[in-house]
């Protein structure tokens, strides 16, 4: 394998419509990162996003139960609805803040 900038340019994939070809530094970074193990923080972020999705789903189900089956009236129903709404909004904000970075330009 030849070394130098010309060798890195030969590894570039053909340009995709609407996307500029990769520069040699980007190609080198992709090659070096290929096969590397993800950092522990990415595992924690994945776990956190999973838990946030579970909280979001649970709050929707809990809100439906509170408004349909619980038989609560007045302040009790308002308190339960506000509580499930806070969990729903909190998990939605958490999911939005931990969303993966966009890689396409």
PDB file of N, CA and C in Angstrom:
ATOM      1  N   UNK A   1       0.841  -1.176   0.000  1.00  0.00           N
ATOM      2  CA  UNK A   1       0.000   0.000   0.000  1.00  0.00           C
ATOM      3  C   UNK A   1       0.882   1.233   0.000  1.00  0.00           C
ATOM      4  N   UNK A   2       0.588   2.145  -0.878  1.00  0.00           N
ATOM      5  CA  UNK A   2       1.374   3.379  -0.948  1.00  0.00           C
ATOM      6  C   UNK A   2       1.005   4.298   0.197  1.00  0.00           C
ATOM      7  N   UNK A   3       1.965   5.113   0.573  1.00  0.00           N
ATOM      8  CA  UNK A   3       1.705   6.078   1.630  1.00  0.00           C
ATOM      9  C   UNK A   3       1.713   7.469   1.036  1.00  0.00           C
ATOM     10  N   UNK A   4       1.165   8.393   1.783  1.00  0.00           N
ATOM     11  CA  UNK A   4       1.117   9.773   1.331  1.00  0.00           C
ATOM     12  C   UNK A   4      -0.301  10.199   1.018  1.00  0.00           C
ATOM     13  N   UNK A   5      -0.460  11.457   0.661  1.00  0.00           N
ATOM     14  CA  UNK A   5      -1.808  11.983   0.451  1.00  0.00           C
ATOM     15  C   UNK A   5      -2.523  11.339  -0.728  1.00  0.00           C
ATOM     16  N   UNK A   6      -1.805  10.908  -1.756  1.00  0.00           N
ATOM     17  CA  UNK A   6      -2.457  10.321  -2.922  1.00  0.00           C
ATOM     18  C   UNK A   6      -3.118   8.988  -2.559  1.00  0.00           C
ATOM     19  N   UNK A   7      -2.494   8.200  -1.674  1.00  0.00           N
ATOM     20  CA  UNK A   7      -3.065   6.920  -1.271  1.00  0.00           C
ATOM     21  C   UNK A   7      -4.383   7.134  -0.525  1.00  0.00           C
ATOM     22  N   UNK A   8      -4.462   8.165   0.309  1.00  0.00           N
ATOM     23  CA  UNK A   8      -5.687   8.442   1.054  1.00  0.00           C
ATOM     24  C   UNK A   8      -6.802   8.875   0.114  1.00  0.00           C
ATOM     25  N   UNK A   9      -6.483   9.602  -0.923  1.00  0.00           N
ATOM     26  CA  UNK A   9      -7.492  10.062  -1.864  1.00  0.00           C
ATOM     27  C   UNK A   9      -8.068   8.892  -2.640  1.00  0.00           C
ATOM     28  N   UNK A  10      -7.268   7.873  -2.930  1.00  0.00           N
ATOM     29  CA  UNK A  10      -7.749   6.723  -3.680  1.00  0.00           C
ATOM     30  C   UNK A  10      -8.791   5.931  -2.892  1.00  0.00           C
ATOM     31  N   UNK A  11      -8.796   6.035  -1.570  1.00  0.00           N
ATOM     32  CA  UNK A  11      -9.747   5.300  -0.751  1.00  0.00           C
ATOM     33  C   UNK A  11     -11.106   5.986  -0.672  1.00  0.00           C
ATOM     34  N   UNK A  12     -11.221   7.196  -1.173  1.00  0.00           N
ATOM     35  CA  UNK A  12     -12.469   7.943  -1.061  1.00  0.00           C
ATOM     36  C   UNK A  12     -13.557   7.271  -1.891  1.00  0.00           C
ATOM     37  N   UNK A  13     -14.756   7.139  -1.316  1.00  0.00           N
ATOM     38  CA  UNK A  13     -15.852   6.557  -2.080  1.00  0.00           C
ATOM     39  C   UNK A  13     -16.321   7.541  -3.147  1.00  0.00           C
ATOM     40  N   UNK A  14     -16.988   7.058  -4.160  1.00  0.00           N
ATOM     41  CA  UNK A  14     -17.485   7.984  -5.175  1.00  0.00           C
ATOM     42  C   UNK A  14     -18.473   8.950  -4.535  1.00  0.00           C
ATOM     43  N   UNK A  15     -18.503  10.195  -4.993  1.00  0.00           N
ATOM     44  CA  UNK A  15     -19.395  11.171  -4.373  1.00  0.00           C
ATOM     45  C   UNK A  15     -20.859  10.788  -4.553  1.00  0.00           C
ATOM     46  N   UNK A  16     -21.615  10.987  -3.502  1.00  0.00           N
ATOM     47  CA  UNK A  16     -23.043  10.739  -3.525  1.00  0.00           C
ATOM     48  C   UNK A  16     -23.728  12.045  -3.910  1.00  0.00           C
ATOM     49  N   UNK A  17     -24.809  11.935  -4.657  1.00  0.00           N
ATOM     50  CA  UNK A  17     -25.501  13.132  -5.081  1.00  0.00           C
ATOM     51  C   UNK A  17     -25.876  14.003  -3.881  1.00  0.00           C
ATOM     52  N   UNK A  18     -25.509  15.280  -3.919  1.00  0.00           N
ATOM     53  CA  UNK A  18     -25.830  16.200  -2.841  1.00  0.00           C
ATOM     54  C   UNK A  18     -24.831  16.210  -1.701  1.00  0.00           C
ATOM     55  N   UNK A  19     -23.771  15.407  -1.791  1.00  0.00           N
ATOM     56  CA  UNK A  19     -22.782  15.354  -0.714  1.00  0.00           C
ATOM     57  C   UNK A  19     -21.390  15.524  -1.299  1.00  0.00           C
ATOM     58  N   UNK A  20     -20.597  16.364  -0.668  1.00  0.00           N
ATOM     59  CA  UNK A  20     -19.238  16.597  -1.135  1.00  0.00           C
ATOM     60  C   UNK A  20     -18.368  15.384  -0.809  1.00  0.00           C
ATOM     61  N   UNK A  21     -17.361  15.092  -1.646  1.00  0.00           N
ATOM     62  CA  UNK A  21     -16.478  13.973  -1.332  1.00  0.00           C
ATOM     63  C   UNK A  21     -15.690  14.250  -0.058  1.00  0.00           C
ATOM     64  N   UNK A  22     -15.288  13.175   0.614  1.00  0.00           N
ATOM     65  CA  UNK A  22     -14.542  13.307   1.857  1.00  0.00           C
ATOM     66  C   UNK A  22     -13.118  13.778   1.583  1.00  0.00           C
ATOM     67  N   UNK A  23     -12.602  14.606   2.467  1.00  0.00           N
ATOM     68  CA  UNK A  23     -11.218  15.032   2.346  1.00  0.00           C
ATOM     69  C   UNK A  23     -10.323  13.953   2.971  1.00  0.00           C
ATOM     70  N   UNK A  24      -9.026  13.951   2.671  1.00  0.00           N
ATOM     71  CA  UNK A  24      -8.138  12.902   3.208  1.00  0.00           C
ATOM     72  C   UNK A  24      -8.154  12.794   4.728  1.00  0.00           C
ATOM     73  N   UNK A  25      -8.266  13.914   5.428  1.00  0.00           N
ATOM     74  CA  UNK A  25      -8.282  13.860   6.890  1.00  0.00           C
ATOM     75  C   UNK A  25      -9.534  13.138   7.387  1.00  0.00           C
ATOM     76  N   UNK A  26     -10.682  13.361   6.746  1.00  0.00           N
ATOM     77  CA  UNK A  26     -11.905  12.676   7.143  1.00  0.00           C
ATOM     78  C   UNK A  26     -11.812  11.182   6.860  1.00  0.00           C
ATOM     79  N   UNK A  27     -11.196  10.835   5.751  1.00  0.00           N
ATOM     80  CA  UNK A  27     -11.024   9.425   5.408  1.00  0.00           C
ATOM     81  C   UNK A  27     -10.128   8.746   6.437  1.00  0.00           C
ATOM     82  N   UNK A  28      -9.040   9.402   6.799  1.00  0.00           N
ATOM     83  CA  UNK A  28      -8.119   8.843   7.782  1.00  0.00           C
ATOM     84  C   UNK A  28      -8.838   8.633   9.115  1.00  0.00           C
ATOM     85  N   UNK A  29      -9.652   9.609   9.523  1.00  0.00           N
ATOM     86  CA  UNK A  29     -10.387   9.494  10.781  1.00  0.00           C
ATOM     87  C   UNK A  29     -11.362   8.328  10.728  1.00  0.00           C
ATOM     88  N   UNK A  30     -12.058   8.157   9.616  1.00  0.00           N
ATOM     89  CA  UNK A  30     -13.003   7.051   9.490  1.00  0.00           C
ATOM     90  C   UNK A  30     -12.286   5.706   9.531  1.00  0.00           C
ATOM     91  N   UNK A  31     -11.136   5.620   8.874  1.00  0.00           N
ATOM     92  CA  UNK A  31     -10.389   4.363   8.863  1.00  0.00           C
ATOM     93  C   UNK A  31      -9.866   4.044  10.256  1.00  0.00           C
ATOM     94  N   UNK A  32      -9.355   5.048  10.965  1.00  0.00           N
ATOM     95  CA  UNK A  32      -8.822   4.820  12.304  1.00  0.00           C
ATOM     96  C   UNK A  32      -9.915   4.440  13.295  1.00  0.00           C
ATOM     97  N   UNK A  33     -11.115   5.003  13.129  1.00  0.00           N
ATOM     98  CA  UNK A  33     -12.194   4.719  14.071  1.00  0.00           C
ATOM     99  C   UNK A  33     -12.934   3.439  13.734  1.00  0.00           C
ATOM    100  N   UNK A  34     -12.700   2.863  12.554  1.00  0.00           N
ATOM    101  CA  UNK A  34     -13.392   1.639  12.162  1.00  0.00           C
ATOM    102  C   UNK A  34     -12.959   0.496  13.068  1.00  0.00           C
ATOM    103  N   UNK A  35     -13.927  -0.184  13.629  1.00  0.00           N
ATOM    104  CA  UNK A  35     -13.633  -1.328  14.482  1.00  0.00           C
ATOM    105  C   UNK A  35     -13.309  -0.961  15.916  1.00  0.00           C
ATOM    106  N   UNK A  36     -13.284   0.321  16.244  1.00  0.00           N
ATOM    107  CA  UNK A  36     -12.997   0.689  17.630  1.00  0.00           C
ATOM    108  C   UNK A  36     -14.244   0.451  18.471  1.00  0.00           C
ATOM    109  N   UNK A  37     -14.031   0.142  19.728  1.00  0.00           N
ATOM    110  CA  UNK A  37     -15.160  -0.113  20.617  1.00  0.00           C
ATOM    111  C   UNK A  37     -15.747   1.215  21.081  1.00  0.00           C
ATOM    112  N   UNK A  38     -17.056   1.269  21.239  1.00  0.00           N
ATOM    113  CA  UNK A  38     -17.664   2.511  21.710  1.00  0.00           C
ATOM    114  C   UNK A  38     -17.256   2.798  23.152  1.00  0.00           C
ATOM    115  N   UNK A  39     -17.228   4.054  23.488  1.00  0.00           N
ATOM    116  CA  UNK A  39     -16.827   4.454  24.833  1.00  0.00           C
ATOM    117  C   UNK A  39     -17.911   4.055  25.834  1.00  0.00           C
ATOM    118  N   UNK A  40     -17.552   3.906  27.109  1.00  0.00           N
ATOM    119  CA  UNK A  40     -18.557   3.564  28.115  1.00  0.00           C
ATOM    120  C   UNK A  40     -19.661   4.602  28.215  1.00  0.00           C
ATOM    121  N   UNK A  41     -19.339   5.861  27.924  1.00  0.00           N
ATOM    122  CA  UNK A  41     -20.380   6.881  28.018  1.00  0.00           C
ATOM    123  C   UNK A  41     -21.464   6.655  26.980  1.00  0.00           C
ATOM    124  N   UNK A  42     -21.105   6.095  25.811  1.00  0.00           N
ATOM    125  CA  UNK A  42     -22.140   5.831  24.813  1.00  0.00           C
ATOM    126  C   UNK A  42     -23.062   4.710  25.278  1.00  0.00           C
ATOM    127  N   UNK A  43     -22.531   3.744  26.030  1.00  0.00           N
ATOM    128  CA  UNK A  43     -23.386   2.697  26.581  1.00  0.00           C
ATOM    129  C   UNK A  43     -24.344   3.283  27.610  1.00  0.00           C
ATOM    130  N   UNK A  44     -23.853   4.194  28.434  1.00  0.00           N
ATOM    131  CA  UNK A  44     -24.714   4.832  29.429  1.00  0.00           C
ATOM    132  C   UNK A  44     -25.779   5.690  28.764  1.00  0.00           C
ATOM    133  N   UNK A  45     -25.407   6.389  27.689  1.00  0.00           N
ATOM    134  CA  UNK A  45     -26.389   7.204  26.973  1.00  0.00           C
ATOM    135  C   UNK A  45     -27.459   6.325  26.346  1.00  0.00           C
ATOM    136  N   UNK A  46     -27.067   5.178  25.817  1.00  0.00           N
ATOM    137  CA  UNK A  46     -28.035   4.258  25.232  1.00  0.00           C
ATOM    138  C   UNK A  46     -28.988   3.744  26.306  1.00  0.00           C
ATOM    139  N   UNK A  47     -28.451   3.380  27.459  1.00  0.00           N
ATOM    140  CA  UNK A  47     -29.280   2.924  28.563  1.00  0.00           C
ATOM    141  C   UNK A  47     -30.221   4.031  29.032  1.00  0.00           C
ATOM    142  N   UNK A  48     -29.687   5.247  29.137  1.00  0.00           N
ATOM    143  CA  UNK A  48     -30.505   6.369  29.592  1.00  0.00           C
ATOM    144  C   UNK A  48     -31.641   6.643  28.613  1.00  0.00           C
ATOM    145  N   UNK A  49     -31.348   6.593  27.300  1.00  0.00           N
ATOM    146  CA  UNK A  49     -32.401   6.812  26.310  1.00  0.00           C
ATOM    147  C   UNK A  49     -33.462   5.706  26.388  1.00  0.00           C
ATOM    148  N   UNK A  50     -33.039   4.479  26.632  1.00  0.00           N
ATOM    149  CA  UNK A  50     -33.997   3.388  26.783  1.00  0.00           C
ATOM    150  C   UNK A  50     -34.921   3.646  27.971  1.00  0.00           C
ATOM    151  N   UNK A  51     -34.346   4.059  29.089  1.00  0.00           N
ATOM    152  CA  UNK A  51     -35.147   4.345  30.285  1.00  0.00           C
ATOM    153  C   UNK A  51     -36.077   5.526  30.034  1.00  0.00           C
ATOM    154  N   UNK A  52     -35.602   6.542  29.328  1.00  0.00           N
ATOM    155  CA  UNK A  52     -36.452   7.688  29.021  1.00  0.00           C
ATOM    156  C   UNK A  52     -37.622   7.284  28.120  1.00  0.00           C
ATOM    157  N   UNK A  53     -37.377   6.404  27.158  1.00  0.00           N
ATOM    158  CA  UNK A  53     -38.474   5.914  26.307  1.00  0.00           C
ATOM    159  C   UNK A  53     -39.489   5.140  27.147  1.00  0.00           C
ATOM    160  N   UNK A  54     -38.995   4.326  28.093  1.00  0.00           N
ATOM    161  CA  UNK A  54     -39.912   3.599  28.970  1.00  0.00           C
ATOM    162  C   UNK A  54     -40.744   4.549  29.820  1.00  0.00           C
ATOM    163  N   UNK A  55     -40.119   5.591  30.355  1.00  0.00           N
ATOM    164  CA  UNK A  55     -40.856   6.588  31.143  1.00  0.00           C
ATOM    165  C   UNK A  55     -41.901   7.300  30.302  1.00  0.00           C
ATOM    166  N   UNK A  56     -41.549   7.624  29.082  1.00  0.00           N
ATOM    167  CA  UNK A  56     -42.493   8.299  28.188  1.00  0.00           C
ATOM    168  C   UNK A  56     -43.711   7.411  27.943  1.00  0.00           C
ATOM    169  N   UNK A  57     -43.463   6.152  27.613  1.00  0.00           N
ATOM    170  CA  UNK A  57     -44.571   5.227  27.363  1.00  0.00           C
ATOM    171  C   UNK A  57     -45.404   5.004  28.627  1.00  0.00           C
ATOM    172  N   UNK A  58     -44.736   4.845  29.759  1.00  0.00           N
ATOM    173  CA  UNK A  58     -45.453   4.618  31.020  1.00  0.00           C
ATOM    174  C   UNK A  58     -46.305   5.823  31.397  1.00  0.00           C
ATOM    175  N   UNK A  59     -45.810   7.034  31.135  1.00  0.00           N
ATOM    176  CA  UNK A  59     -46.596   8.221  31.479  1.00  0.00           C
ATOM    177  C   UNK A  59     -47.832   8.348  30.595  1.00  0.00           C
ATOM    178  N   UNK A  60     -47.711   7.959  29.322  1.00  0.00           N
ATOM    179  CA  UNK A  60     -48.883   7.998  28.440  1.00  0.00           C
ATOM    180  C   UNK A  60     -49.930   6.988  28.906  1.00  0.00           C
ATOM    181  N   UNK A  61     -49.477   5.776  29.231  1.00  0.00           N
ATOM    182  CA  UNK A  61     -50.409   4.741  29.709  1.00  0.00           C
ATOM    183  C   UNK A  61     -51.017   5.163  31.045  1.00  0.00           C
ATOM    184  N   UNK A  62     -50.216   5.701  31.952  1.00  0.00           N
ATOM    185  CA  UNK A  62     -50.721   6.134  33.259  1.00  0.00           C
ATOM    186  C   UNK A  62     -51.726   7.262  33.105  1.00  0.00           C
ATOM    187  N   UNK A  63     -51.472   8.182  32.199  1.00  0.00           N
ATOM    188  CA  UNK A  63     -52.406   9.287  31.986  1.00  0.00           C
ATOM    189  C   UNK A  63     -53.732   8.760  31.438  1.00  0.00           C
ATOM    190  N   UNK A  64     -53.667   7.811  30.519  1.00  0.00           N
ATOM    191  CA  UNK A  64     -54.904   7.223  29.992  1.00  0.00           C
ATOM    192  C   UNK A  64     -55.671   6.500  31.102  1.00  0.00           C
ATOM    193  N   UNK A  65     -54.962   5.794  31.970  1.00  0.00           N
ATOM    194  CA  UNK A  65     -55.624   5.098  33.080  1.00  0.00           C
ATOM    195  C   UNK A  65     -56.228   6.069  34.079  1.00  0.00           C
ATOM    196  N   UNK A  66     -55.515   7.145  34.370  1.00  0.00           N
ATOM    197  CA  UNK A  66     -56.014   8.139  35.321  1.00  0.00           C
ATOM    198  C   UNK A  66     -57.287   8.777  34.787  1.00  0.00           C
ATOM    199  N   UNK A  67     -57.302   9.078  33.508  1.00  0.00           N
ATOM    200  CA  UNK A  67     -58.464   9.768  32.941  1.00  0.00           C
ATOM    201  C   UNK A  67     -59.602   8.825  32.593  1.00  0.00           C
ATOM    202  N   UNK A  68     -59.350   7.521  32.500  1.00  0.00           N
ATOM    203  CA  UNK A  68     -60.387   6.599  32.056  1.00  0.00           C
ATOM    204  C   UNK A  68     -60.866   5.662  33.162  1.00  0.00           C
ATOM    205  N   UNK A  69     -59.942   4.982  33.836  1.00  0.00           N
ATOM    206  CA  UNK A  69     -60.323   3.894  34.732  1.00  0.00           C
ATOM    207  C   UNK A  69     -60.201   4.208  36.222  1.00  0.00           C
ATOM    208  N   UNK A  70     -59.440   5.200  36.594  1.00  0.00           N
ATOM    209  CA  UNK A  70     -59.099   5.385  38.007  1.00  0.00           C
ATOM    210  C   UNK A  70     -60.284   5.834  38.860  1.00  0.00           C
ATOM    211  N   UNK A  71     -61.258   6.466  38.273  1.00  0.00           N
ATOM    212  CA  UNK A  71     -62.406   6.922  39.041  1.00  0.00           C
ATOM    213  C   UNK A  71     -62.094   8.105  39.937  1.00  0.00           C
ATOM    214  N   UNK A  72     -61.029   8.820  39.629  1.00  0.00           N
ATOM    215  CA  UNK A  72     -60.680   9.991  40.427  1.00  0.00           C
ATOM    216  C   UNK A  72     -61.521  11.186  39.988  1.00  0.00           C
ATOM    217  N   UNK A  73     -61.799  12.067  40.923  1.00  0.00           N
ATOM    218  CA  UNK A  73     -62.557  13.274  40.600  1.00  0.00           C
ATOM    219  C   UNK A  73     -61.881  14.465  41.245  1.00  0.00           C
ATOM    220  N   UNK A  74     -62.138  15.607  40.704  1.00  0.00           N
ATOM    221  CA  UNK A  74     -61.683  16.861  41.293  1.00  0.00           C
ATOM    222  C   UNK A  74     -60.178  16.984  41.374  1.00  0.00           C
ATOM    223  N   UNK A  75     -59.728  17.395  42.567  1.00  0.00           N
ATOM    224  CA  UNK A  75     -58.306  17.679  42.771  1.00  0.00           C
ATOM    225  C   UNK A  75     -57.443  16.432  42.614  1.00  0.00           C
ATOM    226  N   UNK A  76     -57.971  15.277  42.951  1.00  0.00           N
ATOM    227  CA  UNK A  76     -57.189  14.044  42.832  1.00  0.00           C
ATOM    228  C   UNK A  76     -56.875  13.747  41.365  1.00  0.00           C
ATOM    229  N   UNK A  77     -57.868  13.918  40.490  1.00  0.00           N
ATOM    230  CA  UNK A  77     -57.625  13.665  39.072  1.00  0.00           C
ATOM    231  C   UNK A  77     -56.679  14.705  38.492  1.00  0.00           C
ATOM    232  N   UNK A  78     -56.826  15.958  38.906  1.00  0.00           N
ATOM    233  CA  UNK A  78     -55.930  17.016  38.421  1.00  0.00           C
ATOM    234  C   UNK A  78     -54.504  16.736  38.858  1.00  0.00           C
ATOM    235  N   UNK A  79     -54.322  16.362  40.112  1.00  0.00           N
ATOM    236  CA  UNK A  79     -52.986  16.067  40.623  1.00  0.00           C
ATOM    237  C   UNK A  79     -52.354  14.884  39.885  1.00  0.00           C
ATOM    238  N   UNK A  80     -53.128  13.834  39.660  1.00  0.00           N
ATOM    239  CA  UNK A  80     -52.595  12.667  38.951  1.00  0.00           C
ATOM    240  C   UNK A  80     -52.269  13.016  37.500  1.00  0.00           C
ATOM    241  N   UNK A  81     -53.112  13.813  36.850  1.00  0.00           N
ATOM    242  CA  UNK A  81     -52.858  14.203  35.456  1.00  0.00           C
ATOM    243  C   UNK A  81     -51.625  15.093  35.352  1.00  0.00           C
ATOM    244  N   UNK A  82     -51.473  16.007  36.300  1.00  0.00           N
ATOM    245  CA  UNK A  82     -50.294  16.880  36.293  1.00  0.00           C
ATOM    246  C   UNK A  82     -49.035  16.051  36.523  1.00  0.00           C
ATOM    247  N   UNK A  83     -49.110  15.094  37.426  1.00  0.00           N
ATOM    248  CA  UNK A  83     -47.949  14.241  37.694  1.00  0.00           C
ATOM    249  C   UNK A  83     -47.522  13.441  36.479  1.00  0.00           C
ATOM    250  N   UNK A  84     -48.483  12.835  35.800  1.00  0.00           N
ATOM    251  CA  UNK A  84     -48.125  12.078  34.598  1.00  0.00           C
ATOM    252  C   UNK A  84     -47.659  13.004  33.483  1.00  0.00           C
ATOM    253  N   UNK A  85     -48.220  14.199  33.423  1.00  0.00           N
ATOM    254  CA  UNK A  85     -47.774  15.173  32.415  1.00  0.00           C
ATOM    255  C   UNK A  85     -46.350  15.634  32.644  1.00  0.00           C
ATOM    256  N   UNK A  86     -45.989  15.819  33.914  1.00  0.00           N
ATOM    257  CA  UNK A  86     -44.614  16.226  34.231  1.00  0.00           C
ATOM    258  C   UNK A  86     -43.625  15.126  33.824  1.00  0.00           C
ATOM    259  N   UNK A  87     -43.972  13.875  34.086  1.00  0.00           N
ATOM    260  CA  UNK A  87     -43.101  12.762  33.695  1.00  0.00           C
ATOM    261  C   UNK A  87     -42.992  12.706  32.169  1.00  0.00           C
ATOM    262  N   UNK A  88     -44.102  12.894  31.476  1.00  0.00           N
ATOM    263  CA  UNK A  88     -44.097  12.873  30.019  1.00  0.00           C
ATOM    264  C   UNK A  88     -43.211  13.982  29.457  1.00  0.00           C
ATOM    265  N   UNK A  89     -43.406  15.201  29.939  1.00  0.00           N
ATOM    266  CA  UNK A  89     -42.588  16.317  29.436  1.00  0.00           C
ATOM    267  C   UNK A  89     -41.119  16.149  29.815  1.00  0.00           C
ATOM    268  N   UNK A  90     -40.855  15.675  31.019  1.00  0.00           N
ATOM    269  CA  UNK A  90     -39.468  15.472  31.437  1.00  0.00           C
ATOM    270  C   UNK A  90     -38.754  14.430  30.600  1.00  0.00           C
ATOM    271  N   UNK A  91     -39.425  13.327  30.311  1.00  0.00           N
ATOM    272  CA  UNK A  91     -38.785  12.307  29.484  1.00  0.00           C
ATOM    273  C   UNK A  91     -38.637  12.775  28.043  1.00  0.00           C
ATOM    274  N   UNK A  92     -39.601  13.545  27.535  1.00  0.00           N
ATOM    275  CA  UNK A  92     -39.482  14.072  26.172  1.00  0.00           C
ATOM    276  C   UNK A  92     -38.305  15.042  26.070  1.00  0.00           C
ATOM    277  N   UNK A  93     -38.139  15.901  27.055  1.00  0.00           N
ATOM    278  CA  UNK A  93     -37.002  16.825  27.054  1.00  0.00           C
ATOM    279  C   UNK A  93     -35.697  16.045  27.183  1.00  0.00           C
ATOM    280  N   UNK A  94     -35.669  15.037  28.035  1.00  0.00           N
ATOM    281  CA  UNK A  94     -34.468  14.214  28.168  1.00  0.00           C
ATOM    282  C   UNK A  94     -34.105  13.506  26.875  1.00  0.00           C
ATOM    283  N   UNK A  95     -35.101  12.992  26.165  1.00  0.00           N
ATOM    284  CA  UNK A  95     -34.840  12.360  24.870  1.00  0.00           C
ATOM    285  C   UNK A  95     -34.326  13.374  23.857  1.00  0.00           C
ATOM    286  N   UNK A  96     -34.882  14.570  23.895  1.00  0.00           N
ATOM    287  CA  UNK A  96     -34.442  15.599  22.946  1.00  0.00           C
ATOM    288  C   UNK A  96     -33.007  16.024  23.245  1.00  0.00           C
ATOM    289  N   UNK A  97     -32.663  16.149  24.513  1.00  0.00           N
ATOM    290  CA  UNK A  97     -31.311  16.577  24.878  1.00  0.00           C
ATOM    291  C   UNK A  97     -30.266  15.498  24.613  1.00  0.00           C
ATOM    292  N   UNK A  98     -30.664  14.243  24.619  1.00  0.00           N
ATOM    293  CA  UNK A  98     -29.702  13.162  24.398  1.00  0.00           C
ATOM    294  C   UNK A  98     -29.795  12.572  22.996  1.00  0.00           C
ATOM    295  N   UNK A  99     -30.440  13.269  22.087  1.00  0.00           N
ATOM    296  CA  UNK A  99     -30.565  12.754  20.714  1.00  0.00           C
ATOM    297  C   UNK A  99     -29.186  12.668  20.069  1.00  0.00           C
ATOM    298  N   UNK A 100     -29.018  11.702  19.182  1.00  0.00           N
ATOM    299  CA  UNK A 100     -27.726  11.563  18.503  1.00  0.00           C
ATOM    300  C   UNK A 100     -27.429  12.758  17.616  1.00  0.00           C
ATOM    301  N   UNK A 101     -26.156  13.081  17.493  1.00  0.00           N
ATOM    302  CA  UNK A 101     -25.762  14.198  16.650  1.00  0.00           C
ATOM    303  C   UNK A 101     -26.012  13.840  15.188  1.00  0.00           C
ATOM    304  N   UNK A 102     -26.407  14.843  14.403  1.00  0.00           N
ATOM    305  CA  UNK A 102     -26.627  14.610  12.979  1.00  0.00           C
ATOM    306  C   UNK A 102     -25.279  14.549  12.283  1.00  0.00           C
ATOM    307  N   UNK A 103     -25.127  13.548  11.438  1.00  0.00           N
ATOM    308  CA  UNK A 103     -23.864  13.397  10.733  1.00  0.00           C
ATOM    309  C   UNK A 103     -23.948  13.881   9.301  1.00  0.00           C
ATOM    310  N   UNK A 104     -25.154  13.981   8.751  1.00  0.00           N
ATOM    311  CA  UNK A 104     -25.277  14.469   7.372  1.00  0.00           C
ATOM    312  C   UNK A 104     -25.337  15.985   7.375  1.00  0.00           C
ATOM    313  N   UNK A 105     -24.763  16.576   6.350  1.00  0.00           N
ATOM    314  CA  UNK A 105     -24.732  18.030   6.286  1.00  0.00           C
ATOM    315  C   UNK A 105     -25.688  18.539   5.242  1.00  0.00           C
TER     316      UNK A 105
END
